[in-house]
C-alpha cells in the first residue's frame, strides 16, 4: 500500500474560501462542515477541494491563517478590531473593511415597491428636497444605486427607502410609521452586522432629516450624534480639511464632503433650541474646504468642479449649499458665545459684535443668491436669521451682576425688524399658495419663523400695534399649512401660542 493510502489525506495549506463566501467576496473563516457566515444565514456551504462531511486534521491551520486570525480577531460579526486598535497596522495589512450580508425587513422592500415603484418619489426628492439639501449626487445615485444592472445590496435598499421616507410624506399616518420603524431597525441591524458603508451613512443623514422635520425627539438628537460618530469611522471629517490628500475636483470626494457638511448642519439645527447644552466642537480652521457650486457639481462638465475654501470671501456665485455650510460653521461660534458668561456690565464682547457682522454679511449674500435663482427666502438666509436671533436672544445670555445673580437683560438688535418681515413674507406666500412644497420651504426655516412670530407678539404686547397682531396671525396660518408636510411646524405653532398666552415674550 502506498504512503498516500497509509497516511491521512493531505489538505492544502492555504484553504480557499467556501463557494458562497468566494462568490459574494466575504471574509470566510473556513470552518468545517460549515463556515460561520453560512451557518448564520442557513445556506449551503461547500468547498470544491474536499468533502464537506470530513473534519479538518489537527494542526492543519497554516501559520499565516493563525497569524491573521490573531491580528484581526473579529467579533461575531467579523469586524476587524484592528481597525480601531491599530489603524496603521490595519492600513498596511488588512486594508479593507468586511461587507457582511444582512437581511432586510420585508416591510422596507414593500414600502419601496408600494405604488409599483414608479420612482415618483425620486423625482420629488431631487425636485423639492435636493435644492436646499444637496448632499446626494443625482448622477451617482441613478448610476450606482437604482441602476437595474447593479447588484442588489442592502445598503442601496436602505438608502432608497430613506429617500422615499423623506420625499413621500404620509401626513395622515403620522411620522412614526411602520416603514420608518423598519428602516431604522434595518440601519441598526447594519451596525450589529459590522457593515460600515458610505451609503448607510447617507441613509442615516436622511433619517436624521426626517426626524428633525417631524420633531421625532429625542430620536433626532440621538441619530444625529450617531451619524457624527459613524461618519468619523468612515473618515469623512478629513474630506473637508484643506490639507486632505483627496482629489479636490473629484465627484465622489465632493459627495463625501457634502455628506459631512450635511450632518454638521443637522447637528447645529437639532441643538438650536437648547444651545446652552450644545457640546463644544473644535473649530475646523480657516483652510477648510467648502462645497463646490451646486450647478457645476450636478452638470456633466466636472472639469470646472472646484471646492471653495473658508478664506474665500462669500459671494452669490458660490452656490446655496456652500453658503449653508458657512452658516453651519458660524452657528458653532454662536453656540460658544451663548455658553460663555458675560461680565457684570452686560456689555457684548468685541468677538460677538464681529460675529454678528459676519452673519449679517452672509445673510446679504444669501439673499442675493436667492434673487439670482428666483427664490424669495432660501435656506441659507433662514439659517443665518436663526443664528442671529440666537446670538441676540436676551433669554439665552446670562449676565452676571456684582452680587453674583444673573440678569437676562440684553440689548435688542435692529435686524429683528428685517428678519421678521422677510419670514412674514415667506409665511404669507405659503398661505397664498396653500402649499409648502416649493423648494425654499424646508424644516430649516421653522426656527426663524417661530422667532419672528414671537417678535411680532412682543411688539404688539408692548405697543398695541394692530399690524403686528395681523403678522402674528399670518405666521400662525403658515405654520398650520406647513404642519401638513413637516410635523415640527405643529410643535412650533403650539409653543408660539403658549408664549402668547403665558406672556413669556
Protein backbone atom coordinates (compact mmCIF):
# COMPACT_ATOMS: atom_id res chain seq x y z
CA UNK A 1 0.00 0.00 0.00
CA UNK A 2 1.38 3.37 -0.91
CA UNK A 3 2.27 6.01 1.59
CA UNK A 4 -0.65 8.00 0.26
CA UNK A 5 -3.09 5.28 1.27
CA UNK A 6 -1.41 4.74 4.66
CA UNK A 7 -1.42 8.38 5.69
CA UNK A 8 -4.31 10.77 6.22
CA UNK A 9 -5.31 12.80 3.21
CA UNK A 10 -3.20 15.91 2.87
CA UNK A 11 -5.13 19.21 2.99
CA UNK A 12 -3.98 22.32 1.19
CA UNK A 13 -2.05 24.63 3.45
CA UNK A 14 -3.99 27.64 2.26
CA UNK A 15 -7.60 26.53 2.09
CA UNK A 16 -9.79 28.64 -0.17
CA UNK A 17 -12.99 30.25 1.00
CA UNK A 18 -16.24 28.37 0.62
CA UNK A 19 -18.09 28.79 -2.65
CA UNK A 20 -20.71 31.16 -1.19
CA UNK A 21 -18.21 33.49 0.51
CA UNK A 22 -15.95 33.44 -2.54
CA UNK A 23 -18.86 34.36 -4.81
CA UNK A 24 -20.03 37.19 -2.52
CA UNK A 25 -16.46 38.32 -1.70
CA UNK A 26 -16.98 37.87 2.02
CA UNK A 27 -14.42 37.02 4.67
CA UNK A 28 -14.68 33.27 5.28
CA UNK A 29 -13.33 31.60 8.43
CA UNK A 30 -13.15 28.24 6.52
CA UNK A 31 -14.68 26.19 9.32
CA UNK A 32 -15.99 22.71 8.61
CA UNK A 33 -18.52 21.40 7.88
CA UNK A 34 -19.90 24.97 7.55
CA UNK A 35 -18.27 28.37 7.85
CA UNK A 36 -19.74 30.80 10.36
CA UNK A 37 -21.47 33.01 7.78
CA UNK A 38 -23.17 30.10 6.03
CA UNK A 39 -24.16 28.69 9.40
CA UNK A 40 -25.65 32.04 10.45
CA UNK A 41 -27.64 32.56 7.26
CA UNK A 42 -28.56 28.86 6.91
CA UNK A 43 -27.22 28.47 3.40
CA UNK A 44 -25.34 25.68 1.66
CA UNK A 45 -21.61 25.71 2.31
CA UNK A 46 -19.28 23.78 0.03
CA UNK A 47 -15.55 23.57 -0.59
CA UNK A 48 -14.57 22.37 -4.04
CA UNK A 49 -11.38 20.57 -2.95
CA UNK A 50 -12.70 18.23 -0.21
CA UNK A 51 -15.89 16.59 1.03
CA UNK A 52 -17.77 18.82 3.43
CA UNK A 53 -18.56 15.99 5.83
CA UNK A 54 -14.94 15.48 6.85
CA UNK A 55 -13.36 17.32 9.73
CA UNK A 56 -10.06 19.15 9.37
CA UNK A 57 -6.95 17.39 10.64
CA UNK A 58 -5.27 18.59 13.76
CA UNK A 59 -2.61 21.14 13.12
CA UNK A 60 -3.94 21.76 9.63
CA UNK A 61 -4.18 25.53 10.12
CA UNK A 62 -1.34 27.36 8.47
CA UNK A 63 0.96 29.79 10.20
CA UNK A 64 -0.42 32.56 8.02
CA UNK A 65 -4.00 31.63 8.93
CA UNK A 66 -3.27 31.70 12.64
CA UNK A 67 -1.35 34.96 12.50
CA UNK A 68 -4.07 36.66 10.51
CA UNK A 69 -6.69 35.37 12.91
CA UNK A 70 -4.80 36.74 15.89
CA UNK A 71 -4.35 40.15 14.30
CA UNK A 72 -7.87 40.78 13.06
CA UNK A 73 -9.55 38.88 15.93
CA UNK A 74 -13.02 39.80 14.79
CA UNK A 75 -16.17 39.70 16.83
CA UNK A 76 -19.15 37.56 15.95
CA UNK A 77 -19.94 39.93 13.06
CA UNK A 78 -16.39 39.66 11.68
CA UNK A 79 -15.49 43.34 12.00
CA UNK A 80 -11.70 43.67 12.35
CA UNK A 81 -10.94 45.11 15.78
CA UNK A 82 -7.54 46.19 14.45
CA UNK A 83 -9.36 48.96 12.54
CA UNK A 84 -9.80 50.79 15.85
CA UNK A 85 -7.00 49.31 17.95
CA UNK A 86 -4.16 49.94 15.48
CA UNK A 87 -5.22 51.85 12.37
CA UNK A 88 -1.67 51.95 10.96
CA UNK A 89 -1.45 48.17 11.09
CA UNK A 90 -4.89 47.91 9.51
CA UNK A 91 -3.87 50.11 6.56
CA UNK A 92 -0.73 48.06 5.95
CA UNK A 93 -2.21 44.60 6.35
CA UNK A 94 -5.99 44.19 6.20
CA UNK A 95 -6.71 47.42 4.30
CA UNK A 96 -10.37 46.65 3.60
CA UNK A 97 -13.45 46.51 5.78
CA UNK A 98 -15.73 43.49 5.52
CA UNK A 99 -19.03 43.72 3.73
CA UNK A 100 -21.34 41.35 5.59
CA UNK A 101 -24.66 40.28 4.16
CA UNK A 102 -27.64 41.49 6.16
CA UNK A 103 -31.30 40.64 5.84
CA UNK A 104 -33.72 43.50 5.19
CA UNK A 105 -37.15 43.55 6.77
CA UNK A 106 -39.76 42.78 4.07
CA UNK A 107 -41.60 45.90 5.27
CA UNK A 108 -38.79 48.03 3.82
CA UNK A 109 -38.98 46.43 0.37
CA UNK A 110 -42.78 46.59 0.44
CA UNK A 111 -42.54 50.29 1.29
CA UNK A 112 -40.28 50.91 -1.70
CA UNK A 113 -42.46 48.89 -4.08
CA UNK A 114 -45.72 50.47 -2.93
CA UNK A 115 -47.34 52.07 -5.95
CA UNK A 116 -45.40 49.91 -8.38
CA UNK A 117 -42.06 51.64 -7.71
CA UNK A 118 -42.79 54.32 -10.28
CA UNK A 119 -39.83 56.31 -8.95
CA UNK A 120 -42.05 59.32 -8.50
CA UNK A 121 -40.59 59.83 -5.05
CA UNK A 122 -37.12 60.02 -6.60
CA UNK A 123 -38.26 62.92 -8.78
CA UNK A 124 -39.93 64.51 -5.76
CA UNK A 125 -36.74 64.24 -3.76
CA UNK A 126 -34.47 65.78 -6.38
CA UNK A 127 -37.01 68.47 -7.31
CA UNK A 128 -38.17 69.51 -3.83
CA UNK A 129 -35.65 68.31 -1.21
CA UNK A 130 -32.38 68.27 -3.11
CA UNK A 131 -32.30 72.03 -3.95
CA UNK A 132 -31.98 73.02 -0.26
CA UNK A 133 -30.19 69.87 0.96
CA UNK A 134 -27.96 68.78 -1.96
CA UNK A 135 -25.68 66.21 -0.37
CA UNK A 136 -26.59 63.32 -2.73
CA UNK A 137 -25.27 63.27 -6.28
CA UNK A 138 -28.17 62.74 -8.65
CA UNK A 139 -25.92 61.18 -11.27
CA UNK A 140 -24.15 58.82 -8.89
CA UNK A 141 -27.47 57.81 -7.33
CA UNK A 142 -29.03 56.98 -10.68
CA UNK A 143 -25.96 55.13 -11.95
CA UNK A 144 -24.89 53.22 -8.84
CA UNK A 145 -27.93 52.83 -6.61
CA UNK A 146 -31.04 52.27 -8.70
CA UNK A 147 -29.48 51.01 -11.92
CA UNK A 148 -31.02 47.60 -12.78
CA UNK A 149 -27.60 46.41 -13.93
CA UNK A 150 -26.09 46.77 -10.47
CA UNK A 151 -26.22 44.17 -7.71
CA UNK A 152 -28.98 44.30 -5.11
CA UNK A 153 -27.21 45.46 -1.98
CA UNK A 154 -28.79 46.06 1.43
CA UNK A 155 -27.18 49.49 1.79
CA UNK A 156 -28.74 50.57 -1.52
CA UNK A 157 -32.14 49.30 -0.41
CA UNK A 158 -31.94 51.23 2.86
CA UNK A 159 -30.82 54.40 1.08
CA UNK A 160 -33.71 54.20 -1.40
CA UNK A 161 -36.18 53.58 1.43
CA UNK A 162 -34.83 56.52 3.46
CA UNK A 163 -35.13 58.75 0.41
CA UNK A 164 -38.76 57.75 -0.09
CA UNK A 165 -39.43 58.29 3.61
CA UNK A 166 -38.35 61.94 3.28
CA UNK A 167 -39.77 62.64 -0.18
CA UNK A 168 -43.14 60.86 0.02
CA UNK A 169 -44.88 62.06 3.18
CA UNK A 170 -48.00 60.41 4.58
CA UNK A 171 -49.36 63.06 6.97
CA UNK A 172 -52.49 61.06 7.80
CA UNK A 173 -50.39 58.16 9.11
CA UNK A 174 -48.19 60.22 11.41
CA UNK A 175 -44.37 60.26 11.27
CA UNK A 176 -43.73 57.06 13.26
CA UNK A 177 -44.96 54.76 10.51
CA UNK A 178 -44.19 51.07 10.18
CA UNK A 179 -41.83 51.92 7.31
CA UNK A 180 -39.95 54.43 9.48
CA UNK A 181 -39.51 51.86 12.23
CA UNK A 182 -38.44 49.16 9.77
CA UNK A 183 -35.86 51.44 8.11
CA UNK A 184 -34.46 52.48 11.47
CA UNK A 185 -34.32 48.84 12.53
CA UNK A 186 -32.54 47.95 9.29
CA UNK A 187 -29.89 50.61 9.88
CA UNK A 188 -29.43 49.30 13.41
CA UNK A 189 -29.08 45.77 12.02
CA UNK A 190 -26.36 47.04 9.69
CA UNK A 191 -24.44 48.26 12.73
CA UNK A 192 -24.87 44.96 14.55
CA UNK A 193 -23.58 43.13 11.48
CA UNK A 194 -20.49 45.33 11.27
CA UNK A 195 -21.49 46.93 7.96
CA UNK A 196 -19.68 50.26 7.66
CA UNK A 197 -20.57 51.81 4.33
CA UNK A 198 -20.93 55.33 2.93
CA UNK A 199 -24.44 54.67 1.63
CA UNK A 200 -25.51 53.60 5.12
CA UNK A 201 -24.22 56.98 6.32
CA UNK A 202 -26.24 58.76 3.63
CA UNK A 203 -29.35 56.84 4.69
CA UNK A 204 -28.71 57.87 8.30
CA UNK A 205 -28.47 61.53 7.24
CA UNK A 206 -31.85 61.25 5.51
CA UNK A 207 -33.30 59.56 8.58
CA UNK A 208 -31.96 62.42 10.72
CA UNK A 209 -33.55 64.97 8.40
CA UNK A 210 -36.86 63.10 8.62
CA UNK A 211 -36.75 63.01 12.42
CA UNK A 212 -35.84 66.70 12.68
CA UNK A 213 -38.52 67.70 10.18
CA UNK A 214 -41.18 65.85 12.14
CA UNK A 215 -39.80 66.65 15.61
CA UNK A 216 -39.31 62.97 16.47
CA UNK A 217 -37.42 63.55 19.70
CA UNK A 218 -35.17 62.56 21.36
CA UNK A 219 -34.62 60.22 18.42
CA UNK A 220 -33.41 63.01 16.14
CA UNK A 221 -30.88 64.19 18.71
CA UNK A 222 -29.52 60.67 19.17
CA UNK A 223 -29.48 59.83 15.46
CA UNK A 224 -27.52 62.97 14.57
CA UNK A 225 -24.95 62.19 17.24
CA UNK A 226 -24.67 58.64 15.95
CA UNK A 227 -24.19 59.97 12.41
CA UNK A 228 -21.24 62.07 13.53
CA UNK A 229 -19.54 59.02 15.03
CA UNK A 230 -20.39 56.85 12.03
CA UNK A 231 -19.00 59.46 9.64
CA UNK A 232 -15.83 59.67 11.70
CA UNK A 233 -15.38 55.91 11.32
CA UNK A 234 -15.57 56.42 7.55
CA UNK A 235 -13.01 59.23 7.75
CA UNK A 236 -15.41 61.83 6.34
CA UNK A 237 -14.12 64.53 8.67
CA UNK A 238 -10.79 64.50 6.82
CA UNK A 239 -12.52 65.14 3.49
CA UNK A 240 -13.22 68.79 4.39
CA UNK A 241 -9.71 69.57 5.56
CA UNK A 242 -7.66 71.78 3.29
CA UNK A 243 -4.62 69.51 3.60
CA UNK A 244 -6.64 66.44 2.58
CA UNK A 245 -4.91 64.17 0.08
CA UNK A 246 -8.22 63.51 -1.65
CA UNK A 247 -8.68 64.89 -5.14
CA UNK A 248 -10.46 68.21 -4.67
CA UNK A 249 -12.18 68.12 -8.06
CA UNK A 250 -13.34 64.50 -7.82
CA UNK A 251 -17.13 63.98 -7.88
CA UNK A 252 -17.03 61.16 -5.34
CA UNK A 253 -14.92 63.18 -2.92
CA UNK A 254 -17.23 66.16 -3.36
CA UNK A 255 -20.16 63.95 -2.39
CA UNK A 256 -18.29 62.79 0.71
CA UNK A 257 -17.56 66.39 1.68
CA UNK A 258 -21.19 67.35 1.19
CA UNK A 259 -22.36 64.44 3.32
CA UNK A 260 -20.14 65.61 6.18
CA UNK A 261 -21.34 69.20 5.85
CA UNK A 262 -24.92 67.91 5.82
CA UNK A 263 -24.60 66.18 9.18
CA UNK A 264 -22.70 69.13 10.67
CA UNK A 265 -25.61 71.35 9.67
CA UNK A 266 -28.19 68.97 11.15
CA UNK A 267 -26.13 68.79 14.33
CA UNK A 268 -26.37 72.57 14.71
CA UNK A 269 -30.08 72.63 13.93
CA UNK A 270 -31.04 69.85 16.33
CA UNK A 271 -29.28 71.78 19.12
CA UNK A 272 -30.76 75.15 18.15
CA UNK A 273 -33.47 75.18 20.79
CA UNK A 274 -31.15 74.06 23.58
CA UNK A 275 -27.94 75.88 22.70
CA UNK A 276 -26.81 76.00 26.31
CA UNK A 277 -26.49 72.19 26.21
CA UNK A 278 -24.65 72.11 22.90
CA UNK A 279 -21.28 70.35 23.32
CA UNK A 280 -18.15 72.14 22.22
CA UNK A 281 -16.71 71.21 18.84
CA UNK A 282 -13.30 72.29 17.73
CA UNK A 283 -13.12 74.95 15.06
CA UNK A 284 -12.42 73.42 11.66
CA UNK A 285 -9.88 76.13 10.87
CA UNK A 286 -9.57 78.60 8.02
CA UNK A 287 -8.26 76.10 5.44
CA UNK A 288 -11.44 74.00 5.49
CA UNK A 289 -12.92 73.03 2.13
CA UNK A 290 -16.49 74.16 1.43
CA UNK A 291 -18.87 72.56 -1.09
CA UNK A 292 -18.44 73.43 -4.74
CA UNK A 293 -21.09 75.30 -6.71
CA UNK A 294 -24.24 73.17 -6.88
CA UNK A 295 -24.90 73.69 -10.59
CA UNK A 296 -21.35 72.69 -11.56
CA UNK A 297 -21.48 69.60 -9.35
CA UNK A 298 -24.73 68.46 -10.97
CA UNK A 299 -23.51 69.18 -14.50
CA UNK A 300 -21.67 66.72 -16.71
CA UNK A 301 -18.70 69.08 -17.06
CA UNK A 302 -16.77 68.26 -13.91
CA UNK A 303 -13.55 69.81 -15.16
CA UNK A 304 -14.75 73.08 -13.59
CA UNK A 305 -15.56 71.42 -10.25
CA UNK A 306 -13.66 73.29 -7.58
CA UNK A 307 -14.26 73.28 -3.85
CA UNK A 308 -14.27 76.67 -2.17
CA UNK A 309 -12.22 77.48 0.89
CA UNK A 310 -13.35 79.23 4.02
CA UNK A 311 -10.85 82.01 3.34
CA UNK A 312 -12.66 82.85 0.07
CA UNK A 313 -14.95 85.88 0.51
CA UNK A 314 -18.61 84.83 0.27
CA UNK A 315 -20.40 85.69 -2.95
CA UNK A 316 -23.66 84.74 -4.63
CA UNK A 317 -21.94 82.52 -7.23
CA UNK A 318 -20.65 80.06 -4.63
CA UNK A 319 -23.91 78.15 -4.59
CA UNK A 320 -26.57 77.67 -1.98
CA UNK A 321 -25.04 74.71 -0.17
CA UNK A 322 -21.66 76.42 0.11
CA UNK A 323 -23.36 79.36 1.84
CA UNK A 324 -25.31 76.90 4.01
CA UNK A 325 -22.06 75.25 5.10
CA UNK A 326 -20.63 78.64 6.07
CA UNK A 327 -23.76 79.34 8.10
CA UNK A 328 -23.28 75.99 9.88
CA UNK A 329 -19.73 76.99 10.80
CA UNK A 330 -20.88 80.32 12.19
CA UNK A 331 -23.57 78.51 14.16
CA UNK A 332 -20.83 76.72 16.09
CA UNK A 333 -19.32 80.06 17.06
CA UNK A 334 -22.74 81.33 18.15
CA UNK A 335 -23.12 78.31 20.43
CA UNK A 336 -19.79 79.10 22.04
CA UNK A 337 -20.81 82.73 22.53
CA UNK A 338 -24.04 81.64 24.21
CA UNK A 339 -22.24 79.37 26.66
CA UNK A 340 -19.66 81.96 27.70
CA UNK A 341 -20.96 84.20 30.55
CA UNK A 342 -20.97 87.97 30.13
CA UNK A 343 -19.46 90.38 32.57
CA UNK A 344 -21.30 92.42 35.17
CA UNK A 345 -21.75 95.34 32.79
CA UNK A 346 -23.64 93.19 30.32
CA UNK A 347 -21.51 94.61 27.52
CA UNK A 348 -21.14 92.42 24.48
CA UNK A 349 -17.60 91.27 23.77
CA UNK A 350 -16.00 92.53 20.59
CA UNK A 351 -15.92 88.96 19.24
CA UNK A 352 -19.70 88.75 19.39
CA UNK A 353 -20.13 92.01 17.53
CA UNK A 354 -17.76 90.81 14.83
CA UNK A 355 -19.64 87.51 14.66
CA UNK A 356 -22.94 89.33 14.25
CA UNK A 357 -21.44 91.47 11.47
CA UNK A 358 -20.18 88.32 9.72
CA UNK A 359 -23.63 86.75 9.93
CA UNK A 360 -25.13 89.95 8.54
CA UNK A 361 -22.76 89.85 5.57
CA UNK A 362 -23.52 86.19 4.88
CA UNK A 363 -27.25 86.93 5.12
CA UNK A 364 -26.98 89.64 2.47
CA UNK A 365 -25.01 87.35 0.17
CA UNK A 366 -27.54 84.54 0.56
CA UNK A 367 -30.36 86.96 -0.23
CA UNK A 368 -28.54 87.90 -3.44
CA UNK A 369 -28.10 84.21 -4.24
CA UNK A 370 -31.81 83.65 -3.77
CA UNK A 371 -32.65 86.55 -6.06
CA UNK A 372 -30.32 85.19 -8.75
CA UNK A 373 -32.13 81.84 -8.64
CA UNK A 374 -35.61 83.30 -8.30
CA UNK A 375 -36.11 82.23 -4.69
CA UNK A 376 -37.68 84.58 -2.18
CA UNK A 377 -36.05 83.43 1.06
CA UNK A 378 -33.68 80.49 0.61
CA UNK A 379 -32.44 78.16 3.32
CA UNK A 380 -29.03 79.80 3.96
CA UNK A 381 -30.87 83.05 4.71
CA UNK A 382 -33.24 81.47 7.22
CA UNK A 383 -30.34 79.66 8.89
CA UNK A 384 -28.47 82.96 9.24
CA UNK A 385 -31.60 84.52 10.70
CA UNK A 386 -31.82 81.72 13.27
CA UNK A 387 -28.16 82.21 14.18
CA UNK A 388 -28.63 85.96 14.65
CA UNK A 389 -31.86 85.51 16.62
CA UNK A 390 -29.97 83.14 18.90
CA UNK A 391 -26.94 85.40 19.25
CA UNK A 392 -29.16 88.35 20.17
CA UNK A 393 -31.61 86.41 22.36
CA UNK A 394 -31.69 88.10 25.76
CA UNK A 395 -33.03 84.91 27.38
CA UNK A 396 -30.01 82.86 26.33
CA UNK A 397 -27.29 85.23 27.60
CA UNK A 398 -26.75 85.09 31.34
CA UNK A 399 -25.13 88.31 32.55
CA UNK A 400 -23.50 88.14 35.93
CA UNK A 401 -24.29 91.01 38.32
CA UNK A 402 -21.95 92.24 41.00
CA UNK A 403 -23.81 90.25 43.65
CA UNK A 404 -23.44 87.04 41.66
CA UNK A 405 -27.01 86.95 40.38
CA UNK A 406 -27.79 86.69 36.70
CA UNK A 407 -29.88 89.10 34.69
CA UNK A 408 -31.49 88.32 31.33
CA UNK A 409 -31.29 91.91 30.08
CA UNK A 410 -29.77 92.22 26.65
CA UNK A 411 -29.93 94.96 24.07
CA UNK A 412 -32.35 94.14 21.22
CA UNK A 413 -30.97 94.09 17.70
CA UNK A 414 -32.36 96.18 14.84
CA UNK A 415 -32.05 93.27 12.45
CA UNK A 416 -35.14 91.66 14.05
CA UNK A 417 -37.39 94.00 12.09
CA UNK A 418 -35.89 92.98 8.74
CA UNK A 419 -35.62 89.28 9.53
CA UNK A 420 -39.15 89.07 10.91
CA UNK A 421 -40.55 90.92 7.90
CA UNK A 422 -38.83 88.52 5.46
CA UNK A 423 -40.11 85.50 7.38
CA UNK A 424 -43.58 87.06 7.40
CA UNK A 425 -43.42 87.32 3.62
CA UNK A 426 -42.48 83.64 3.43
CA UNK A 427 -45.44 82.72 5.65
CA UNK A 428 -47.78 84.87 3.56
CA UNK A 429 -46.53 83.17 0.40
CA UNK A 430 -47.30 79.78 1.92
CA UNK A 431 -50.78 80.95 2.88
CA UNK A 432 -51.40 82.37 -0.60
CA UNK A 433 -50.37 79.17 -2.41
CA UNK A 434 -51.81 76.83 0.25
CA UNK A 435 -48.77 74.57 -0.08
CA UNK A 436 -45.25 74.25 1.25
CA UNK A 437 -43.69 72.00 -1.38
CA UNK A 438 -41.75 74.80 -3.02
CA UNK A 439 -38.02 74.40 -2.75
CA UNK A 440 -37.40 77.34 -0.42
CA UNK A 441 -39.67 75.86 2.28
CA UNK A 442 -37.84 73.38 4.48
CA UNK A 443 -37.61 72.44 8.16
CA UNK A 444 -34.62 74.79 8.29
CA UNK A 445 -36.92 77.84 8.26
CA UNK A 446 -39.08 76.76 11.23
CA UNK A 447 -37.00 78.33 13.99
CA UNK A 448 -36.60 81.70 12.24
CA UNK A 449 -40.34 81.84 11.56
CA UNK A 450 -41.03 80.91 15.19
CA UNK A 451 -38.73 83.67 16.49
CA UNK A 452 -40.35 86.13 14.09
CA UNK A 453 -43.78 85.26 15.45
CA UNK A 454 -42.51 85.88 18.99
CA UNK A 455 -41.11 89.23 17.84
CA UNK A 456 -44.48 90.35 16.44
CA UNK A 457 -46.31 89.10 19.55
CA UNK A 458 -43.92 91.04 21.79
CA UNK A 459 -44.18 94.16 19.64
CA UNK A 460 -47.98 94.01 19.77
CA UNK A 461 -47.91 93.46 23.53
CA UNK A 462 -45.67 96.48 24.05
CA UNK A 463 -47.20 98.91 21.54
CA UNK A 464 -50.68 97.59 20.76
CA UNK A 465 -49.82 97.80 17.06
CA UNK A 466 -52.60 96.02 15.14
CA UNK A 467 -50.39 95.24 12.13
CA UNK A 468 -48.07 93.22 14.38
CA UNK A 469 -51.05 91.16 15.55
CA UNK A 470 -52.06 90.54 11.95
CA UNK A 471 -48.50 89.49 11.15
CA UNK A 472 -48.59 87.03 14.05
CA UNK A 473 -51.82 85.53 12.71
CA UNK A 474 -50.29 85.16 9.22
CA UNK A 475 -47.33 83.28 10.67
CA UNK A 476 -49.72 81.04 12.59
CA UNK A 477 -51.58 80.27 9.35
CA UNK A 478 -48.28 79.49 7.65
CA UNK A 479 -47.36 77.03 10.38
CA UNK A 480 -50.74 75.30 10.07
CA UNK A 481 -50.19 74.70 6.36
CA UNK A 482 -46.58 73.60 6.85
CA UNK A 483 -47.64 71.09 9.50
CA UNK A 484 -49.23 69.06 6.72
CA UNK A 485 -45.72 68.49 5.33
CA UNK A 486 -43.44 68.78 8.35
CA UNK A 487 -44.89 67.83 11.72
CA UNK A 488 -42.38 70.06 13.54
CA UNK A 489 -44.42 73.09 12.37
CA UNK A 490 -47.25 71.87 14.59
CA UNK A 491 -44.97 71.93 17.63
CA UNK A 492 -43.62 75.39 16.81
CA UNK A 493 -47.18 76.66 16.47
CA UNK A 494 -48.18 75.25 19.86
CA UNK A 495 -45.05 76.73 21.50
CA UNK A 496 -45.73 80.14 19.97
CA UNK A 497 -49.31 80.06 21.24
CA UNK A 498 -48.05 79.03 24.69
CA UNK A 499 -45.73 82.05 24.80
CA UNK A 500 -48.54 84.40 23.76
CA UNK A 501 -50.98 83.02 26.33
CA UNK A 502 -48.45 82.95 29.17
CA UNK A 503 -46.89 86.30 28.28
CA UNK A 504 -43.39 84.78 28.02
CA UNK A 505 -42.31 87.03 25.18
